[in-house]
Amino acid sequence: MNRAGHLLLLAGTVLLFQSCTWKSHSRGSAGIVVIVAEPADRAVINTSLKTTFGKTIQTPQDESLFQFTDISFNKLDYYARAPLILMVASLDADEPTARYIHQLFDEEALSAVRNGVTGCFLERDPWAEHQMLMVLVGSDREQLANNASSCLGALADSAAAFEIERLASKMLWQSAQILSYLTPKTGVSYSLSLPSIFEWVAASDTLSLVRYRSRDPLSWVTVYSLDETGADSMTAPSLLELRRKMTTITDKSTVSYAGPDALEHTTLAGRRAERIRGLWQSDDYADGGPFATYSFLDSTTHHRFVLDYALFAPGREKAPFIWQLDASIQTFSLKSAKD
């Protein structure tokens, strides 16, 4: 049975999760997964972990968006406010992590594990606000290995979406709010939260375009819209073509691309959206790095909105900046001029 995606919520059976109504915010750097596991269980999931949470992206060097902090169970109190926690155990083992998970689970959850229905569970905000606890288990280590192979990909997707949501929420109350109106033909304004180091640098009526720039690291966030009479959704080549159209207006050099990766489906401004990731390279200067382009169709105005970021940070790890830029994009919202 393919158990990928069968992620059950913990049933709230633990008084610890319900003992107080006020919780402090989680704290920790973007993309850090705290793994609570006994050494033998950690070894069982290692291969599957590398191909899911450890999957690399090109920036252009290979980087993983997630990094791991391995701890023993007796260190859990110290890391109880970490944003992302993955707890791993073989339930037949008489070890601290397994004993604790037995206390977490009700009989329905234990039965689901024993019967092979699922071995992956999620709980939101168990010990802190804006926190995700992921639990990966098996009746024994053989089943744990099978569950890791089938479930960790879905857990990684959930963790990535959660982390962007967490960082976007944090930005909305910590970062400078930048408000900018699109050209009157769209009939809407938008709001976008960006770190205070970003500044407005360019605008164009041709594509209802506004661009912002940060100098450290050098990065750009661009918002633009255009009349849309085509399909509701995009393909990876058509979304890349929109980016090419944008760069003919905003960039002084010709830009080449590696990729993009396959089209990803996501949400933006409460609407279904598409996203591509890839690498850009200036044909005239020694500039280049990762980019991401988001797009969605607004059925009210019949305009397609495109949000794009590009990064140039040679010699630096880019994953932390990618998390921040993706979170910035997710703060985007539309408001009708009539509101």
Protein backbone atom coordinates (compact mmCIF):
# COMPACT_ATOMS: atom_id res chain seq x y z
CA MET A 1 0.00 0.00 0.00
CA ASN A 2 1.28 3.47 -0.87
CA ARG A 3 0.96 5.45 2.32
CA ALA A 4 2.38 8.73 1.01
CA GLY A 5 0.18 11.63 1.94
CA HIS A 6 -1.78 9.72 4.62
CA LEU A 7 -0.91 12.26 7.29
CA LEU A 8 -3.14 11.96 10.35
CA LEU A 9 -3.46 14.61 13.00
CA LEU A 10 -2.61 13.52 16.49
CA ALA A 11 -5.91 13.26 18.28
CA GLY A 12 -5.04 15.68 21.07
CA THR A 13 -4.69 12.87 23.57
CA VAL A 14 -1.83 14.45 25.49
CA LEU A 15 -2.63 16.81 28.34
CA LEU A 16 0.71 18.51 27.78
CA PHE A 17 -0.61 19.86 24.48
CA GLN A 18 -3.77 21.21 26.13
CA SER A 19 -2.52 22.26 29.53
CA CYS A 20 -2.22 25.99 28.82
CA THR A 21 -4.02 28.42 26.56
CA TRP A 22 -1.07 30.80 26.12
CA LYS A 23 2.06 29.71 24.27
CA SER A 24 5.14 31.67 23.34
CA HIS A 25 6.23 31.89 19.70
CA SER A 26 8.53 29.29 18.25
CA ARG A 27 12.08 30.41 17.65
CA GLY A 28 14.72 29.18 15.28
CA SER A 29 16.34 29.77 11.92
CA ALA A 30 14.50 28.98 8.70
CA GLY A 31 14.64 25.38 7.49
CA ILE A 32 16.15 23.79 10.61
CA VAL A 33 14.57 20.43 11.42
CA VAL A 34 15.22 19.14 14.94
CA ILE A 35 15.25 15.33 14.77
CA VAL A 36 14.49 13.42 17.97
CA ALA A 37 15.50 9.79 17.46
CA GLU A 38 17.53 6.98 18.94
CA PRO A 39 20.69 6.25 16.90
CA ALA A 40 19.37 2.96 15.51
CA ASP A 41 16.12 4.57 14.35
CA ARG A 42 17.96 7.55 12.86
CA ALA A 43 20.11 5.17 10.80
CA VAL A 44 17.01 3.42 9.44
CA ILE A 45 15.54 6.61 7.94
CA ASN A 46 18.79 8.22 6.79
CA THR A 47 18.52 7.35 3.08
CA SER A 48 14.90 8.44 2.77
CA LEU A 49 15.65 11.61 4.72
CA LYS A 50 18.39 12.60 2.27
CA THR A 51 16.12 12.20 -0.76
CA THR A 52 13.23 14.20 0.75
CA PHE A 53 14.14 16.80 3.35
CA GLY A 54 17.74 16.68 2.16
CA LYS A 55 16.91 17.15 -1.52
CA THR A 56 19.16 19.79 -3.05
CA ILE A 57 18.41 22.77 -5.26
CA GLN A 58 20.92 24.54 -7.50
CA THR A 59 21.81 28.08 -6.47
CA PRO A 60 23.96 27.38 -8.68
CA GLN A 61 25.89 25.24 -6.17
CA ASP A 62 23.94 22.37 -4.61
CA GLU A 63 22.18 23.46 -1.42
CA SER A 64 19.46 21.90 0.68
CA LEU A 65 16.66 24.11 1.96
CA PHE A 66 16.48 22.00 5.12
CA GLN A 67 19.26 21.41 7.64
CA PHE A 68 19.17 18.85 10.48
CA THR A 69 19.88 19.13 14.19
CA ASP A 70 19.98 15.66 15.76
CA ILE A 71 19.20 15.40 19.46
CA SER A 72 18.51 12.68 22.00
CA PHE A 73 15.16 12.58 23.74
CA ASN A 74 16.55 14.03 26.96
CA LYS A 75 17.37 17.28 25.09
CA LEU A 76 13.78 17.77 23.92
CA ASP A 77 12.93 20.27 26.66
CA TYR A 78 15.71 22.56 25.45
CA TYR A 79 14.42 22.44 21.85
CA ALA A 80 10.71 22.53 22.71
CA ARG A 81 10.24 25.89 20.95
CA ALA A 82 11.91 24.85 17.70
CA PRO A 83 9.63 25.57 14.70
CA LEU A 84 10.10 22.14 13.07
CA ILE A 85 10.48 18.95 15.10
CA LEU A 86 10.62 15.44 13.64
CA MET A 87 10.20 12.64 16.18
CA VAL A 88 11.17 9.15 14.98
CA ALA A 89 10.76 5.79 16.68
CA SER A 90 10.23 2.07 16.29
CA LEU A 91 7.37 1.44 18.68
CA ASP A 92 8.54 -2.03 19.70
CA ALA A 93 11.72 -0.57 21.19
CA ASP A 94 11.98 0.01 24.93
CA GLU A 95 13.65 3.38 24.49
CA PRO A 96 12.76 6.93 25.65
CA THR A 97 11.47 8.26 22.32
CA ALA A 98 9.27 5.21 21.70
CA ARG A 99 7.88 5.31 25.23
CA TYR A 100 7.03 8.98 24.88
CA ILE A 101 5.25 8.46 21.55
CA HIS A 102 3.20 5.67 23.14
CA GLN A 103 1.97 8.32 25.57
CA LEU A 104 1.12 10.69 22.72
CA PHE A 105 -0.96 8.24 20.74
CA ASP A 106 -4.48 7.06 21.45
CA GLU A 107 -5.56 3.56 20.47
CA GLU A 108 -6.82 4.71 17.06
CA ALA A 109 -3.39 6.07 16.13
CA LEU A 110 -1.58 2.97 17.42
CA SER A 111 -3.97 0.76 15.45
CA ALA A 112 -3.30 2.77 12.29
CA VAL A 113 0.42 2.10 12.71
CA ARG A 114 0.02 -1.62 13.48
CA ASN A 115 -2.31 -2.13 10.50
CA GLY A 116 -0.05 -0.29 8.08
CA VAL A 117 -2.51 2.52 7.41
CA THR A 118 0.05 5.23 8.11
CA GLY A 119 3.22 5.89 10.01
CA CYS A 120 3.22 9.70 9.69
CA PHE A 121 1.46 12.18 11.94
CA LEU A 122 1.33 15.98 12.25
CA GLU A 123 0.49 18.23 15.15
CA ARG A 124 0.38 22.03 14.94
CA ASP A 125 1.55 24.22 17.81
CA PRO A 126 2.06 21.52 20.47
CA TRP A 127 4.45 23.55 22.66
CA ALA A 128 4.70 26.92 20.90
CA GLU A 129 2.85 29.09 18.42
CA HIS A 130 3.87 28.61 14.78
CA GLN A 131 5.32 25.17 15.38
CA MET A 132 4.93 21.84 13.59
CA LEU A 133 5.58 18.49 15.21
CA MET A 134 6.04 15.61 12.77
CA VAL A 135 6.02 12.04 14.02
CA LEU A 136 7.35 9.12 11.95
CA VAL A 137 6.91 5.66 13.45
CA GLY A 138 6.69 1.96 12.67
CA SER A 139 5.69 -1.11 14.63
CA ASP A 140 9.28 -2.28 14.19
CA ARG A 141 12.33 -0.99 12.34
CA GLU A 142 11.43 -2.77 9.12
CA GLN A 143 8.08 -1.00 9.04
CA LEU A 144 9.74 2.25 10.10
CA ALA A 145 12.02 2.04 7.05
CA ASN A 146 9.03 1.40 4.77
CA ASN A 147 7.08 4.29 6.30
CA ALA A 148 10.07 6.59 5.89
CA SER A 149 10.27 5.68 2.20
CA SER A 150 6.56 6.34 1.60
CA CYS A 151 5.82 9.20 4.01
CA LEU A 152 8.81 11.50 4.32
CA GLY A 153 8.23 13.17 0.97
CA ALA A 154 4.75 14.27 2.05
CA LEU A 155 6.10 15.40 5.41
CA ALA A 156 8.80 17.45 3.69
CA ASP A 157 6.19 19.16 1.47
CA SER A 158 4.08 19.95 4.53
CA ALA A 159 7.12 21.27 6.40
CA ALA A 160 8.12 23.54 3.50
CA ALA A 161 4.63 25.02 3.19
CA PHE A 162 4.45 25.49 6.96
CA GLU A 163 7.87 27.16 7.14
CA ILE A 164 6.97 29.71 4.46
CA GLU A 165 3.68 30.38 6.26
CA ARG A 166 5.54 30.84 9.57
CA LEU A 167 8.08 33.24 8.11
CA ALA A 168 5.41 35.22 6.25
CA SER A 169 3.42 35.59 9.47
CA LYS A 170 6.55 36.76 11.25
CA MET A 171 7.26 39.32 8.52
CA LEU A 172 3.80 40.83 8.76
CA TRP A 173 4.46 42.05 12.28
CA GLN A 174 8.23 42.53 12.14
CA SER A 175 8.99 43.96 8.68
CA ALA A 176 8.24 47.23 6.98
CA GLN A 177 4.97 47.09 5.09
CA ILE A 178 5.28 48.40 1.56
CA LEU A 179 2.05 49.48 -0.10
CA SER A 180 1.95 50.25 -3.82
CA TYR A 181 -0.86 50.79 -6.30
CA LEU A 182 -0.94 49.15 -9.65
CA THR A 183 -1.94 51.20 -12.68
CA PRO A 184 -5.60 52.26 -12.74
CA LYS A 185 -6.58 49.80 -15.48
CA THR A 186 -6.39 46.90 -13.00
CA GLY A 187 -8.71 48.59 -10.52
CA VAL A 188 -6.86 47.09 -7.55
CA SER A 189 -4.04 47.88 -5.19
CA TYR A 190 -1.74 45.39 -3.54
CA SER A 191 0.19 45.12 -0.31
CA LEU A 192 3.47 43.32 0.09
CA SER A 193 5.63 42.98 3.19
CA LEU A 194 9.37 43.18 2.60
CA PRO A 195 12.38 43.61 4.89
CA SER A 196 13.24 47.26 5.45
CA ILE A 197 16.45 46.89 3.40
CA PHE A 198 14.35 46.72 0.21
CA GLU A 199 13.73 49.91 -1.75
CA TRP A 200 11.57 50.85 -4.71
CA VAL A 201 13.71 51.02 -7.86
CA ALA A 202 11.57 50.84 -11.00
CA ALA A 203 8.09 50.98 -12.44
CA SER A 204 6.58 50.55 -15.90
CA ASP A 205 3.05 51.08 -17.16
CA THR A 206 3.67 48.59 -19.97
CA LEU A 207 3.20 45.63 -17.65
CA SER A 208 1.81 47.44 -14.59
CA LEU A 209 5.20 46.65 -13.10
CA VAL A 210 6.89 47.63 -9.86
CA ARG A 211 10.33 46.41 -8.76
CA TYR A 212 12.04 46.47 -5.36
CA ARG A 213 15.71 45.84 -4.62
CA SER A 214 17.90 44.88 -1.70
CA ARG A 215 21.64 45.52 -1.84
CA ASP A 216 22.72 42.95 0.79
CA PRO A 217 22.37 40.44 -0.60
CA LEU A 218 21.63 41.82 -4.04
CA SER A 219 18.09 40.66 -4.77
CA TRP A 220 15.01 41.87 -6.60
CA VAL A 221 11.29 41.39 -6.06
CA THR A 222 9.05 42.31 -8.98
CA VAL A 223 5.26 42.57 -9.14
CA TYR A 224 3.48 42.96 -12.44
CA SER A 225 0.19 42.22 -14.12
CA LEU A 226 -1.19 41.87 -17.61
CA ASP A 227 -4.51 41.31 -19.32
CA GLU A 228 -5.24 37.60 -19.42
CA THR A 229 -7.58 35.99 -21.89
CA GLY A 230 -5.98 32.56 -22.02
CA ALA A 231 -6.11 29.49 -19.84
CA ASP A 232 -6.63 29.66 -16.08
CA SER A 233 -3.29 27.96 -15.43
CA MET A 234 0.19 28.21 -16.85
CA THR A 235 2.84 25.76 -18.00
CA ALA A 236 6.50 26.02 -17.03
CA PRO A 237 7.52 27.31 -20.51
CA SER A 238 4.71 29.88 -20.61
CA LEU A 239 5.56 31.16 -17.13
CA LEU A 240 9.22 31.43 -18.09
CA GLU A 241 8.16 33.38 -21.17
CA LEU A 242 6.37 35.87 -18.92
CA ARG A 243 9.61 36.28 -17.00
CA ARG A 244 11.49 36.89 -20.24
CA LYS A 245 8.94 39.55 -21.13
CA MET A 246 9.47 41.21 -17.76
CA THR A 247 13.27 41.23 -18.00
CA THR A 248 13.20 42.96 -21.39
CA ILE A 249 11.80 45.96 -19.52
CA THR A 250 13.63 45.77 -16.19
CA ASP A 251 17.10 44.50 -17.10
CA LYS A 252 19.82 46.24 -19.07
CA SER A 253 21.40 42.97 -20.17
CA THR A 254 20.26 39.82 -21.91
CA VAL A 255 19.41 37.03 -19.50
CA SER A 256 19.81 33.29 -20.08
CA TYR A 257 18.21 30.53 -18.03
CA ALA A 258 18.99 27.07 -16.71
CA GLY A 259 15.83 25.18 -15.98
CA PRO A 260 13.26 25.94 -14.90
CA ASP A 261 12.34 22.98 -12.78
CA ALA A 262 8.93 21.41 -13.25
CA LEU A 263 5.87 23.58 -12.64
CA GLU A 264 4.79 23.56 -8.98
CA HIS A 265 1.25 24.17 -7.79
CA THR A 266 0.79 26.40 -4.77
CA THR A 267 -1.46 29.18 -3.46
CA LEU A 268 -0.99 32.94 -3.41
CA ALA A 269 -3.32 35.72 -2.23
CA GLY A 270 -5.93 33.06 -1.48
CA ARG A 271 -5.93 31.78 -5.05
CA ARG A 272 -4.53 28.81 -6.89
CA ALA A 273 -1.11 29.68 -8.26
CA GLU A 274 1.82 28.22 -10.17
CA ARG A 275 5.53 28.54 -9.48
CA ILE A 276 8.76 27.78 -11.30
CA ARG A 277 12.32 27.82 -9.94
CA GLY A 278 15.52 27.98 -11.91
CA LEU A 279 18.79 29.82 -12.47
CA TRP A 280 19.32 33.11 -14.29
CA GLN A 281 22.57 34.29 -15.84
CA SER A 282 23.40 37.68 -17.35
CA ASP A 283 24.94 37.36 -20.81
CA ASP A 284 26.75 40.69 -20.37
CA TYR A 285 27.87 40.71 -16.73
CA ALA A 286 29.16 38.20 -14.19
CA ASP A 287 25.76 38.08 -12.51
CA GLY A 288 23.52 35.11 -11.90
CA GLY A 289 21.77 33.00 -9.31
CA PRO A 290 18.43 31.45 -8.37
CA PHE A 291 15.03 32.85 -9.25
CA ALA A 292 11.41 31.93 -8.62
CA THR A 293 8.35 33.14 -10.51
CA TYR A 294 4.80 32.89 -9.15
CA SER A 295 1.62 33.49 -11.12
CA PHE A 296 -2.12 33.49 -10.54
CA LEU A 297 -5.22 34.67 -12.39
CA ASP A 298 -7.54 37.12 -10.63
CA SER A 299 -11.03 36.29 -11.87
CA THR A 300 -12.43 39.64 -10.69
CA THR A 301 -10.16 41.88 -12.77
CA HIS A 302 -9.28 39.26 -15.42
CA HIS A 303 -5.64 40.11 -14.93
CA ARG A 304 -2.79 37.73 -14.38
CA PHE A 305 -0.50 38.73 -11.55
CA VAL A 306 3.12 37.63 -11.59
CA LEU A 307 5.48 37.90 -8.63
CA ASP A 308 9.13 37.18 -9.17
CA TYR A 309 12.35 37.27 -7.21
CA ALA A 310 15.97 36.89 -8.24
CA LEU A 311 19.06 36.61 -6.07
CA PHE A 312 22.75 37.32 -6.62
CA ALA A 313 24.91 36.41 -3.62
CA PRO A 314 28.21 34.90 -4.81
CA GLY A 315 30.14 32.92 -2.24
CA ARG A 316 27.25 32.84 0.24
CA GLU A 317 24.71 30.20 1.20
CA LYS A 318 21.51 31.20 -0.51
CA ALA A 319 18.97 28.89 1.16
CA PRO A 320 18.27 31.34 4.06
CA PHE A 321 17.58 34.14 1.57
CA ILE A 322 15.36 31.88 -0.54
CA TRP A 323 13.22 31.09 2.51
CA GLN A 324 12.90 34.83 3.22
CA LEU A 325 12.03 35.74 -0.36
CA ASP A 326 9.42 32.98 -0.66
CA ALA A 327 7.89 34.22 2.60
CA SER A 328 7.80 37.80 1.27
CA ILE A 329 5.93 36.66 -1.82
CA GLN A 330 3.35 34.93 0.40
CA THR A 331 2.49 38.23 2.13
CA PHE A 332 1.09 39.57 -1.15
CA SER A 333 -2.59 40.51 -1.07
CA LEU A 334 -4.98 42.30 -3.40
CA LYS A 335 -7.55 44.94 -2.56
CA SER A 336 -10.19 46.31 -4.88
CA ALA A 337 -10.20 50.05 -5.38
CA LYS A 338 -13.88 49.96 -4.39
CA ASP A 339 -13.08 48.52 -0.92
